[in-house]
């Protein structure tokens, strides 16, 4: 019997999982302040655990702006260097 592809790679199980363990669900509930020590461990409320894609567009836009500023800065410095040679 062969080994599944996801198990061959070290750290393959660290990727996003849709199902949380009970301990992970309790941690999320504590973060959201929806859990108290008196609550039962059975019948936990649902916890939304979604993979977030938020911020990717903003990060890409910031990188483009930074690259544009660097290019613009080099263009601004180039004429100054040419003027000094004259």
N, C-alpha and C. Protein backbone atom coordinates (compact mmCIF):
# COMPACT_ATOMS: atom_id res chain seq x y z
N UNK A 1 0.85 -1.18 0.00
CA UNK A 1 0.00 0.00 0.00
C UNK A 1 0.89 1.24 0.00
N UNK A 2 0.54 2.23 -0.79
CA UNK A 2 1.36 3.43 -0.91
C UNK A 2 0.95 4.48 0.12
N UNK A 3 1.87 5.42 0.36
CA UNK A 3 1.63 6.51 1.30
C UNK A 3 0.99 7.68 0.54
N UNK A 4 0.02 8.32 1.18
CA UNK A 4 -0.65 9.46 0.57
C UNK A 4 0.35 10.58 0.31
N UNK A 5 0.15 11.35 -0.77
CA UNK A 5 1.05 12.44 -1.13
C UNK A 5 1.23 13.46 -0.01
N UNK A 6 0.15 13.78 0.69
CA UNK A 6 0.20 14.80 1.73
C UNK A 6 1.05 14.36 2.92
N UNK A 7 1.23 13.07 3.09
CA UNK A 7 2.01 12.56 4.22
C UNK A 7 3.48 12.39 3.89
N UNK A 8 3.84 12.45 2.62
CA UNK A 8 5.24 12.29 2.22
C UNK A 8 6.06 13.52 2.55
N UNK A 9 5.46 14.68 2.44
CA UNK A 9 6.16 15.95 2.63
C UNK A 9 6.17 16.30 4.10
N UNK A 10 7.35 16.65 4.61
CA UNK A 10 7.45 17.07 6.01
C UNK A 10 6.69 18.39 6.18
N UNK A 11 5.85 18.46 7.17
CA UNK A 11 5.10 19.68 7.45
C UNK A 11 3.86 19.83 6.58
N UNK A 12 3.47 18.79 5.86
CA UNK A 12 2.30 18.88 4.99
C UNK A 12 1.02 19.06 5.80
N UNK A 13 1.01 18.59 7.04
CA UNK A 13 -0.19 18.71 7.84
C UNK A 13 -0.30 20.06 8.53
N UNK A 14 0.64 20.96 8.29
CA UNK A 14 0.58 22.29 8.89
C UNK A 14 -0.25 23.26 8.07
N UNK A 15 -0.74 22.80 6.93
CA UNK A 15 -1.54 23.68 6.09
C UNK A 15 -2.91 23.93 6.73
N UNK A 16 -3.70 24.79 6.12
CA UNK A 16 -5.01 25.15 6.65
C UNK A 16 -5.92 23.93 6.71
N UNK A 17 -6.55 23.74 7.86
CA UNK A 17 -7.50 22.65 8.03
C UNK A 17 -8.87 23.25 8.34
N UNK A 18 -9.90 22.65 7.81
CA UNK A 18 -11.25 23.15 8.05
C UNK A 18 -11.81 22.69 9.38
N UNK A 19 -11.35 21.56 9.88
CA UNK A 19 -11.88 21.00 11.11
C UNK A 19 -10.88 21.24 12.24
N UNK A 20 -11.36 21.82 13.34
CA UNK A 20 -10.50 22.08 14.49
C UNK A 20 -10.70 21.01 15.55
N UNK A 21 -9.66 20.77 16.32
CA UNK A 21 -9.80 19.86 17.45
C UNK A 21 -10.56 20.58 18.56
N UNK A 22 -11.00 19.83 19.55
CA UNK A 22 -11.74 20.44 20.66
C UNK A 22 -10.88 21.50 21.35
N UNK A 23 -9.61 21.21 21.58
CA UNK A 23 -8.73 22.17 22.25
C UNK A 23 -8.58 23.44 21.42
N UNK A 24 -8.45 23.31 20.09
CA UNK A 24 -8.34 24.48 19.23
C UNK A 24 -9.63 25.29 19.24
N UNK A 25 -10.76 24.60 19.27
CA UNK A 25 -12.05 25.32 19.33
C UNK A 25 -12.17 26.10 20.63
N UNK A 26 -11.74 25.50 21.74
CA UNK A 26 -11.81 26.19 23.03
C UNK A 26 -10.89 27.40 23.03
N UNK A 27 -9.69 27.27 22.44
CA UNK A 27 -8.77 28.41 22.35
C UNK A 27 -9.41 29.55 21.56
N UNK A 28 -10.06 29.23 20.43
CA UNK A 28 -10.74 30.25 19.64
C UNK A 28 -11.86 30.92 20.43
N UNK A 29 -12.62 30.11 21.17
CA UNK A 29 -13.72 30.67 21.98
C UNK A 29 -13.18 31.58 23.08
N UNK A 30 -12.05 31.22 23.67
CA UNK A 30 -11.44 32.07 24.70
C UNK A 30 -11.00 33.39 24.09
N UNK A 31 -10.39 33.34 22.89
CA UNK A 31 -9.97 34.57 22.20
C UNK A 31 -11.16 35.48 21.92
N UNK A 32 -12.29 34.87 21.56
CA UNK A 32 -13.50 35.64 21.25
C UNK A 32 -14.31 35.97 22.49
N UNK A 33 -13.83 35.57 23.65
CA UNK A 33 -14.49 35.79 24.93
C UNK A 33 -15.89 35.19 24.95
N UNK A 34 -16.04 34.00 24.37
CA UNK A 34 -17.31 33.27 24.36
C UNK A 34 -17.22 32.01 25.20
N UNK A 35 -16.18 31.86 25.99
CA UNK A 35 -15.96 30.65 26.77
C UNK A 35 -15.70 31.01 28.22
N UNK A 36 -16.27 30.27 29.13
CA UNK A 36 -15.96 30.41 30.54
C UNK A 36 -15.68 29.02 31.10
N UNK A 37 -15.00 28.94 32.23
CA UNK A 37 -14.61 27.67 32.82
C UNK A 37 -15.81 26.83 33.25
N UNK A 38 -16.96 27.45 33.49
CA UNK A 38 -18.14 26.72 33.92
C UNK A 38 -18.84 26.00 32.76
N UNK A 39 -18.55 26.39 31.54
CA UNK A 39 -19.20 25.80 30.36
C UNK A 39 -18.79 24.34 30.20
N UNK A 40 -19.68 23.56 29.63
CA UNK A 40 -19.43 22.14 29.39
C UNK A 40 -18.49 21.96 28.21
N UNK A 41 -17.67 20.91 28.25
CA UNK A 41 -16.78 20.59 27.14
C UNK A 41 -17.54 19.94 25.99
N UNK A 42 -18.73 19.46 26.29
CA UNK A 42 -19.55 18.83 25.27
C UNK A 42 -20.53 19.84 24.70
N UNK A 43 -20.82 19.71 23.44
CA UNK A 43 -21.78 20.62 22.81
C UNK A 43 -21.23 22.02 22.64
N UNK A 44 -19.97 22.14 22.24
CA UNK A 44 -19.36 23.45 22.04
C UNK A 44 -20.05 24.18 20.88
N UNK A 45 -20.14 25.49 20.96
CA UNK A 45 -20.72 26.23 19.83
C UNK A 45 -19.78 26.18 18.63
N UNK A 46 -20.34 26.43 17.46
CA UNK A 46 -19.54 26.42 16.24
C UNK A 46 -18.56 27.58 16.26
N UNK A 47 -17.40 27.33 15.68
CA UNK A 47 -16.36 28.35 15.61
C UNK A 47 -15.98 28.53 14.15
N UNK A 48 -16.08 29.74 13.65
CA UNK A 48 -15.70 30.02 12.27
C UNK A 48 -14.18 30.02 12.17
N UNK A 49 -13.68 29.20 11.28
CA UNK A 49 -12.24 29.12 11.08
C UNK A 49 -12.00 29.10 9.58
N UNK A 50 -11.79 30.27 9.01
CA UNK A 50 -11.65 30.38 7.57
C UNK A 50 -10.24 30.82 7.23
N UNK A 51 -9.79 30.37 6.09
CA UNK A 51 -8.49 30.81 5.60
C UNK A 51 -8.67 32.22 5.07
N UNK A 52 -7.89 33.12 5.57
CA UNK A 52 -8.04 34.52 5.23
C UNK A 52 -7.16 34.90 4.04
N UNK A 53 -7.77 35.52 3.06
CA UNK A 53 -7.02 36.05 1.92
C UNK A 53 -6.95 37.57 2.03
N UNK A 54 -7.45 38.12 3.10
CA UNK A 54 -7.47 39.57 3.27
C UNK A 54 -6.06 40.09 3.39
N UNK A 55 -5.83 41.22 2.78
CA UNK A 55 -4.53 41.87 2.87
C UNK A 55 -3.60 41.54 1.73
N UNK A 56 -3.91 40.55 0.93
CA UNK A 56 -3.03 40.22 -0.18
C UNK A 56 -2.98 41.33 -1.20
N UNK A 57 -4.13 41.89 -1.55
CA UNK A 57 -4.17 42.96 -2.54
C UNK A 57 -3.48 44.20 -1.99
N UNK A 58 -3.71 44.51 -0.73
CA UNK A 58 -3.09 45.68 -0.12
C UNK A 58 -1.58 45.51 -0.07
N UNK A 59 -1.12 44.32 0.27
CA UNK A 59 0.32 44.06 0.34
C UNK A 59 0.94 44.18 -1.04
N UNK A 60 0.28 43.63 -2.05
CA UNK A 60 0.80 43.69 -3.42
C UNK A 60 0.85 45.14 -3.89
N UNK A 61 -0.18 45.91 -3.56
CA UNK A 61 -0.21 47.32 -3.94
C UNK A 61 0.91 48.10 -3.25
N UNK A 62 1.17 47.79 -1.98
CA UNK A 62 2.23 48.47 -1.26
C UNK A 62 3.59 48.13 -1.86
N UNK A 63 3.79 46.88 -2.27
CA UNK A 63 5.05 46.49 -2.89
C UNK A 63 5.23 47.21 -4.22
N UNK A 64 4.15 47.35 -5.01
CA UNK A 64 4.24 48.05 -6.29
C UNK A 64 4.58 49.53 -6.07
N UNK A 65 3.96 50.14 -5.05
CA UNK A 65 4.26 51.54 -4.74
C UNK A 65 5.71 51.71 -4.32
N UNK A 66 6.21 50.80 -3.51
CA UNK A 66 7.59 50.87 -3.06
C UNK A 66 8.54 50.72 -4.25
N UNK A 67 8.22 49.81 -5.16
CA UNK A 67 9.06 49.62 -6.34
C UNK A 67 9.01 50.86 -7.22
N UNK A 68 7.84 51.48 -7.34
CA UNK A 68 7.70 52.70 -8.14
C UNK A 68 8.51 53.83 -7.52
N UNK A 69 8.48 53.95 -6.20
CA UNK A 69 9.25 55.00 -5.52
C UNK A 69 10.74 54.80 -5.71
N UNK A 70 11.20 53.55 -5.67
CA UNK A 70 12.61 53.26 -5.88
C UNK A 70 13.02 53.64 -7.29
N UNK A 71 12.21 53.28 -8.28
CA UNK A 71 12.52 53.61 -9.67
C UNK A 71 12.47 55.12 -9.86
N UNK A 72 11.47 55.78 -9.30
CA UNK A 72 11.36 57.23 -9.41
C UNK A 72 12.54 57.90 -8.71
N UNK A 73 12.97 57.36 -7.60
CA UNK A 73 14.12 57.91 -6.87
C UNK A 73 15.40 57.77 -7.68
N UNK A 74 15.58 56.66 -8.37
CA UNK A 74 16.76 56.46 -9.21
C UNK A 74 16.74 57.42 -10.39
N UNK A 75 15.57 57.66 -10.98
CA UNK A 75 15.45 58.59 -12.10
C UNK A 75 15.74 60.01 -11.64
N UNK A 76 15.32 60.35 -10.44
CA UNK A 76 15.56 61.69 -9.92
C UNK A 76 17.04 61.89 -9.61
N UNK A 77 17.73 60.86 -9.17
CA UNK A 77 19.14 60.95 -8.85
C UNK A 77 20.01 60.98 -10.10
N UNK A 78 19.58 60.33 -11.16
CA UNK A 78 20.38 60.23 -12.37
C UNK A 78 20.67 61.61 -12.98
N UNK A 79 19.71 62.50 -13.17
CA UNK A 79 20.02 63.83 -13.74
C UNK A 79 20.97 64.62 -12.81
N UNK A 80 20.84 64.47 -11.53
CA UNK A 80 21.71 65.19 -10.61
C UNK A 80 23.14 64.74 -10.82
N UNK A 81 23.35 63.45 -11.00
CA UNK A 81 24.69 62.92 -11.21
C UNK A 81 25.25 63.43 -12.52
N UNK A 82 24.43 63.55 -13.57
CA UNK A 82 24.88 64.04 -14.86
C UNK A 82 25.25 65.51 -14.78
N UNK A 83 24.51 66.29 -14.01
CA UNK A 83 24.80 67.71 -13.86
C UNK A 83 26.13 67.92 -13.17
N UNK A 84 26.47 67.08 -12.21
CA UNK A 84 27.74 67.19 -11.50
C UNK A 84 28.91 66.91 -12.41
N UNK A 85 28.73 66.08 -13.43
CA UNK A 85 29.82 65.76 -14.34
C UNK A 85 30.14 66.93 -15.24
N UNK A 86 29.19 67.81 -15.55
CA UNK A 86 29.40 68.94 -16.44
C UNK A 86 30.29 69.98 -15.85
